């Protein structure tokens, strides 16, 4: 029998949750605040938290120096394209592992997950040479494929977990009624797993949006996304923290807004099937 939560315990839990949340959010808040400072105020010691002269000069310089719209469009295409392509590959794979498992299914899942532990730099050289041979270097298509592949194990694992929570009897009933495999996946399985699929899409989109290693090594100009846009504000002369913070704020703002408006769907999907 579960014990009742006392008001004091509830207050402590709430306080801890707020403290952890503020601790996680503080670097983002500091970056945003720094973007409105002058360069002198950005490197002041001791740091200036709120008592500074607010300015939009850094954003003006960033907009004049860089084609922000092009970087933004590249990020949207790369993150969105890799998410869609990943779902096209992962949904049938997760369906097969969840409803038609073999003796090696768990081994395959563990092997897929183990590939995420491989240091990316360990496979950079062969992939770089392969991209040169295929003409995919500094291309959106090449980055879409790479982003899809590096996030595919997570997508398959999440979808597999969600699909396992759906009773197999429902799919068997659909087959008895004459449903084809395509109809079973599209009209029975997919609608029932919408929360899980939505959260998987959001997570994959965020991971692809934030990926920096591959975008910095496989792009130069044409396909450079917002991660390369941020990196362009480091120079041999040093870091211009105020302008770098402005560029970082402009890069993270779209994904922060997306996460804010889709947080309920994301939480719902991540807890899908947790309570029976």
Protein backbone atom coordinates (compact mmCIF):
# COMPACT_ATOMS: atom_id res chain seq x y z
CA UNK A 1 0.00 0.00 0.00
CA UNK A 2 1.45 3.35 -1.08
CA UNK A 3 2.16 5.89 1.63
CA UNK A 4 0.46 9.27 1.46
CA UNK A 5 2.72 12.18 0.56
CA UNK A 6 2.87 14.69 3.39
CA UNK A 7 2.67 18.46 2.67
CA UNK A 8 6.26 18.86 3.88
CA UNK A 9 7.50 16.11 1.56
CA UNK A 10 5.55 17.61 -1.33
CA UNK A 11 7.08 21.04 -0.62
CA UNK A 12 10.59 19.56 -0.52
CA UNK A 13 10.03 17.68 -3.79
CA UNK A 14 8.69 20.83 -5.45
CA UNK A 15 11.65 22.86 -4.23
CA UNK A 16 14.13 20.27 -5.48
CA UNK A 17 12.40 20.11 -8.86
CA UNK A 18 12.58 23.91 -9.22
CA UNK A 19 16.22 23.96 -8.10
CA UNK A 20 17.23 21.30 -10.65
CA UNK A 21 15.22 23.01 -13.38
CA UNK A 22 16.83 26.40 -12.69
CA UNK A 23 20.28 24.80 -12.55
CA UNK A 24 19.75 23.25 -15.98
CA UNK A 25 18.23 26.42 -17.46
CA UNK A 26 20.81 28.85 -16.04
CA UNK A 27 23.43 28.40 -18.83
CA UNK A 28 20.73 29.17 -21.41
CA UNK A 29 19.58 32.21 -19.42
CA UNK A 30 23.17 33.43 -19.07
CA UNK A 31 23.73 33.07 -22.82
CA UNK A 32 20.60 35.07 -23.58
CA UNK A 33 21.53 37.81 -21.11
CA UNK A 34 25.10 37.99 -22.45
CA UNK A 35 23.78 38.49 -25.96
CA UNK A 36 22.36 41.87 -24.86
CA UNK A 37 25.65 43.08 -23.33
CA UNK A 38 28.58 44.91 -24.85
CA UNK A 39 31.79 42.94 -25.33
CA UNK A 40 33.35 44.70 -22.34
CA UNK A 41 30.39 43.84 -20.11
CA UNK A 42 30.37 40.24 -21.38
CA UNK A 43 33.89 39.61 -20.07
CA UNK A 44 33.61 41.80 -16.95
CA UNK A 45 34.92 40.39 -13.67
CA UNK A 46 33.02 39.90 -11.48
CA UNK A 47 30.27 38.96 -13.96
CA UNK A 48 27.39 41.39 -14.41
CA UNK A 49 24.03 39.63 -14.10
CA UNK A 50 21.34 42.29 -14.64
CA UNK A 51 22.96 45.67 -14.02
CA UNK A 52 24.18 46.34 -17.56
CA UNK A 53 23.23 48.53 -20.50
CA UNK A 54 20.94 46.46 -22.73
CA UNK A 55 21.79 46.63 -26.42
CA UNK A 56 20.73 44.97 -29.68
CA UNK A 57 24.02 45.79 -31.37
CA UNK A 58 25.24 42.18 -31.28
CA UNK A 59 22.15 40.92 -33.10
CA UNK A 60 22.57 43.63 -35.72
CA UNK A 61 26.19 42.64 -36.31
CA UNK A 62 25.27 38.96 -36.53
CA UNK A 63 22.51 39.62 -39.06
CA UNK A 64 24.80 41.82 -41.17
CA UNK A 65 27.73 39.42 -41.06
CA UNK A 66 25.90 36.13 -41.69
CA UNK A 67 23.02 34.86 -43.81
CA UNK A 68 21.01 33.57 -40.85
CA UNK A 69 18.07 32.51 -43.03
CA UNK A 70 20.23 30.13 -45.06
CA UNK A 71 21.67 28.47 -41.95
CA UNK A 72 18.18 28.19 -40.46
CA UNK A 73 16.75 26.61 -43.61
CA UNK A 74 19.61 24.11 -43.74
CA UNK A 75 18.95 23.10 -40.12
CA UNK A 76 15.22 22.65 -40.78
CA UNK A 77 15.82 20.56 -43.91
CA UNK A 78 18.53 18.40 -42.33
CA UNK A 79 16.72 17.82 -39.03
CA UNK A 80 13.31 17.37 -40.65
CA UNK A 81 14.59 15.19 -43.49
CA UNK A 82 16.56 12.89 -41.18
CA UNK A 83 13.52 12.55 -38.89
CA UNK A 84 11.17 11.57 -41.73
CA UNK A 85 13.70 9.20 -43.30
CA UNK A 86 14.43 7.67 -39.89
CA UNK A 87 10.74 6.96 -39.29
CA UNK A 88 10.36 5.36 -42.72
CA UNK A 89 13.15 2.94 -41.83
CA UNK A 90 12.44 2.51 -38.10
CA UNK A 91 8.68 1.90 -38.09
CA UNK A 92 8.85 -1.38 -40.10
CA UNK A 93 11.95 -2.47 -38.16
CA UNK A 94 10.33 -1.79 -34.78
CA UNK A 95 7.08 -3.47 -35.92
CA UNK A 96 8.99 -6.60 -36.94
CA UNK A 97 10.92 -6.77 -33.67
CA UNK A 98 7.86 -6.10 -31.52
CA UNK A 99 5.32 -8.40 -33.19
CA UNK A 100 7.41 -10.94 -35.11
CA UNK A 101 10.42 -11.39 -32.81
CA UNK A 102 13.13 -13.94 -33.40
CA UNK A 103 15.65 -15.49 -31.05
CA UNK A 104 18.14 -12.79 -32.04
CA UNK A 105 15.86 -9.77 -31.66
CA UNK A 106 17.23 -8.70 -28.28
CA UNK A 107 20.78 -9.24 -29.50
CA UNK A 108 20.11 -7.04 -32.51
CA UNK A 109 18.60 -4.31 -30.32
CA UNK A 110 21.60 -4.38 -27.98
CA UNK A 111 24.00 -4.31 -30.93
CA UNK A 112 22.20 -1.30 -32.41
CA UNK A 113 22.37 0.52 -29.08
CA UNK A 114 26.06 -0.35 -28.70
CA UNK A 115 26.86 1.56 -31.89
CA UNK A 116 25.93 4.78 -30.04
CA UNK A 117 28.90 4.13 -27.75
CA UNK A 118 31.34 4.27 -30.67
CA UNK A 119 33.31 7.56 -30.72
CA UNK A 120 32.24 9.50 -33.79
CA UNK A 121 35.79 10.50 -34.57
CA UNK A 122 36.62 6.81 -35.00
CA UNK A 123 34.58 6.59 -38.19
CA UNK A 124 35.03 10.15 -39.44
CA UNK A 125 37.86 9.37 -41.85
CA UNK A 126 36.14 6.55 -43.80
CA UNK A 127 32.86 8.45 -43.94
CA UNK A 128 34.68 11.58 -45.12
CA UNK A 129 36.36 9.63 -47.93
CA UNK A 130 33.06 7.96 -48.82
CA UNK A 131 31.35 11.34 -49.03
CA UNK A 132 34.07 12.63 -51.35
CA UNK A 133 33.67 9.60 -53.65
CA UNK A 134 29.88 9.93 -53.73
CA UNK A 135 29.89 13.70 -54.12
CA UNK A 136 27.95 14.20 -50.87
CA UNK A 137 30.45 16.42 -49.08
CA UNK A 138 28.89 19.74 -48.04
CA UNK A 139 25.44 18.62 -49.17
CA UNK A 140 22.10 18.52 -47.38
CA UNK A 141 21.39 15.02 -48.66
CA UNK A 142 24.59 13.69 -47.16
CA UNK A 143 23.89 15.20 -43.75
CA UNK A 144 20.30 13.92 -43.82
CA UNK A 145 21.59 10.37 -44.28
CA UNK A 146 24.28 10.74 -41.60
CA UNK A 147 21.87 12.23 -39.05
CA UNK A 148 19.35 9.49 -39.75
CA UNK A 149 21.93 6.75 -39.28
CA UNK A 150 23.45 8.07 -36.04
CA UNK A 151 19.99 8.49 -34.46
CA UNK A 152 18.41 5.35 -35.93
CA UNK A 153 19.22 3.10 -32.91
CA UNK A 154 17.40 5.49 -30.56
CA UNK A 155 14.42 5.77 -32.93
CA UNK A 156 14.11 1.98 -33.27
CA UNK A 157 14.46 1.43 -29.51
CA UNK A 158 11.80 4.02 -28.67
CA UNK A 159 9.33 2.77 -31.27
CA UNK A 160 9.98 -0.84 -30.25
CA UNK A 161 9.14 0.07 -26.64
CA UNK A 162 5.93 1.81 -27.66
CA UNK A 163 4.83 -0.96 -30.02
CA UNK A 164 5.37 -3.59 -27.31
CA UNK A 165 2.68 -1.86 -25.22
CA UNK A 166 0.06 -2.37 -27.94
CA UNK A 167 -1.85 -5.68 -27.54
CA UNK A 168 -0.96 -8.06 -30.36
CA UNK A 169 -4.56 -9.33 -30.31
CA UNK A 170 -5.72 -6.10 -31.94
CA UNK A 171 -3.46 -6.69 -34.92
CA UNK A 172 -4.48 -10.34 -35.09
CA UNK A 173 -8.14 -9.29 -35.18
CA UNK A 174 -7.35 -6.91 -38.05
CA UNK A 175 -5.68 -9.73 -39.98
CA UNK A 176 -8.71 -11.96 -39.43
CA UNK A 177 -10.85 -9.19 -40.90
CA UNK A 178 -8.71 -9.24 -44.02
CA UNK A 179 -6.32 -6.36 -43.34
CA UNK A 180 -3.10 -6.46 -45.32
CA UNK A 181 0.28 -5.80 -43.74
CA UNK A 182 0.30 -2.26 -45.14
CA UNK A 183 -3.20 -1.57 -43.76
CA UNK A 184 -2.24 -3.11 -40.42
CA UNK A 185 0.74 -0.78 -40.02
CA UNK A 186 -0.85 2.37 -41.46
CA UNK A 187 -4.41 2.18 -40.13
CA UNK A 188 -4.15 0.11 -36.95
CA UNK A 189 -0.67 0.31 -35.46
CA UNK A 190 0.31 3.87 -36.37
CA UNK A 191 -2.83 5.64 -35.03
CA UNK A 192 -2.57 3.73 -31.73
CA UNK A 193 1.09 4.67 -31.33
CA UNK A 194 0.76 8.34 -32.30
CA UNK A 195 1.96 9.66 -28.88
CA UNK A 196 5.05 7.48 -29.04
CA UNK A 197 5.76 8.29 -32.68
CA UNK A 198 5.31 12.02 -32.03
CA UNK A 199 7.73 12.01 -29.10
CA UNK A 200 10.22 9.98 -31.14
CA UNK A 201 9.99 12.52 -33.97
CA UNK A 202 10.51 15.42 -31.58
CA UNK A 203 13.49 13.82 -29.89
CA UNK A 204 15.13 12.90 -33.19
CA UNK A 205 14.52 16.41 -34.55
CA UNK A 206 16.16 17.94 -31.46
CA UNK A 207 19.14 15.58 -31.62
CA UNK A 208 19.68 16.31 -35.32
CA UNK A 209 19.26 20.06 -34.75
CA UNK A 210 21.90 20.08 -32.00
CA UNK A 211 24.44 17.80 -33.71
CA UNK A 212 27.71 19.66 -34.18
CA UNK A 213 30.48 17.12 -34.81
CA UNK A 214 29.27 15.85 -38.17
CA UNK A 215 27.98 19.19 -39.41
CA UNK A 216 31.30 20.91 -38.72
CA UNK A 217 33.35 18.15 -40.39
CA UNK A 218 31.16 17.34 -43.40
CA UNK A 219 30.06 20.85 -44.41
CA UNK A 220 31.71 24.08 -45.40
CA UNK A 221 29.30 26.59 -46.93
CA UNK A 222 26.37 25.19 -48.91
CA UNK A 223 24.83 22.82 -46.33
CA UNK A 224 26.12 24.45 -43.13
CA UNK A 225 23.36 24.49 -40.45
CA UNK A 226 23.06 26.63 -37.33
CA UNK A 227 25.73 24.68 -35.45
CA UNK A 228 28.24 25.87 -38.06
CA UNK A 229 26.69 29.34 -37.79
CA UNK A 230 27.63 29.41 -34.08
CA UNK A 231 31.12 28.04 -34.70
CA UNK A 232 31.81 30.81 -37.21
CA UNK A 233 31.98 33.28 -34.33
CA UNK A 234 35.24 31.84 -33.01
CA UNK A 235 38.30 33.28 -34.69
CA UNK A 236 42.10 33.29 -34.34
CA UNK A 237 41.80 36.72 -32.71
CA UNK A 238 39.74 35.20 -29.89
CA UNK A 239 36.14 34.80 -28.86
CA UNK A 240 33.70 37.68 -28.98
CA UNK A 241 31.43 36.45 -26.22
CA UNK A 242 28.57 38.91 -26.71
CA UNK A 243 28.30 38.23 -30.45
CA UNK A 244 28.82 34.50 -29.91
CA UNK A 245 25.98 34.55 -27.36
CA UNK A 246 23.74 36.41 -29.81
CA UNK A 247 24.46 33.82 -32.51
CA UNK A 248 23.83 30.99 -30.00
CA UNK A 249 20.54 32.53 -28.92
CA UNK A 250 19.38 32.85 -32.51
CA UNK A 251 20.36 29.21 -33.12
CA UNK A 252 18.60 27.72 -30.10
CA UNK A 253 15.52 29.95 -30.17
CA UNK A 254 13.57 27.90 -32.79
CA UNK A 255 14.15 24.59 -31.01
CA UNK A 256 13.34 26.12 -27.61
CA UNK A 257 10.05 27.44 -28.96
CA UNK A 258 9.26 24.06 -30.55
CA UNK A 259 10.04 22.26 -27.30
CA UNK A 260 7.94 24.68 -25.27
CA UNK A 261 4.82 24.26 -27.40
CA UNK A 262 5.22 20.49 -27.75
CA UNK A 263 6.24 19.66 -24.18
CA UNK A 264 2.90 18.04 -23.32
CA UNK A 265 3.05 15.79 -26.36
CA UNK A 266 6.68 14.95 -25.64
CA UNK A 267 6.01 14.01 -22.02
CA UNK A 268 2.92 12.06 -23.03
CA UNK A 269 4.91 10.09 -25.57
CA UNK A 270 7.85 9.42 -23.26
CA UNK A 271 5.47 8.02 -20.61
CA UNK A 272 3.36 6.13 -23.15
CA UNK A 273 2.60 2.71 -21.73
CA UNK A 274 4.23 3.43 -18.37
CA UNK A 275 0.93 3.05 -16.50
CA UNK A 276 -1.39 0.15 -17.19
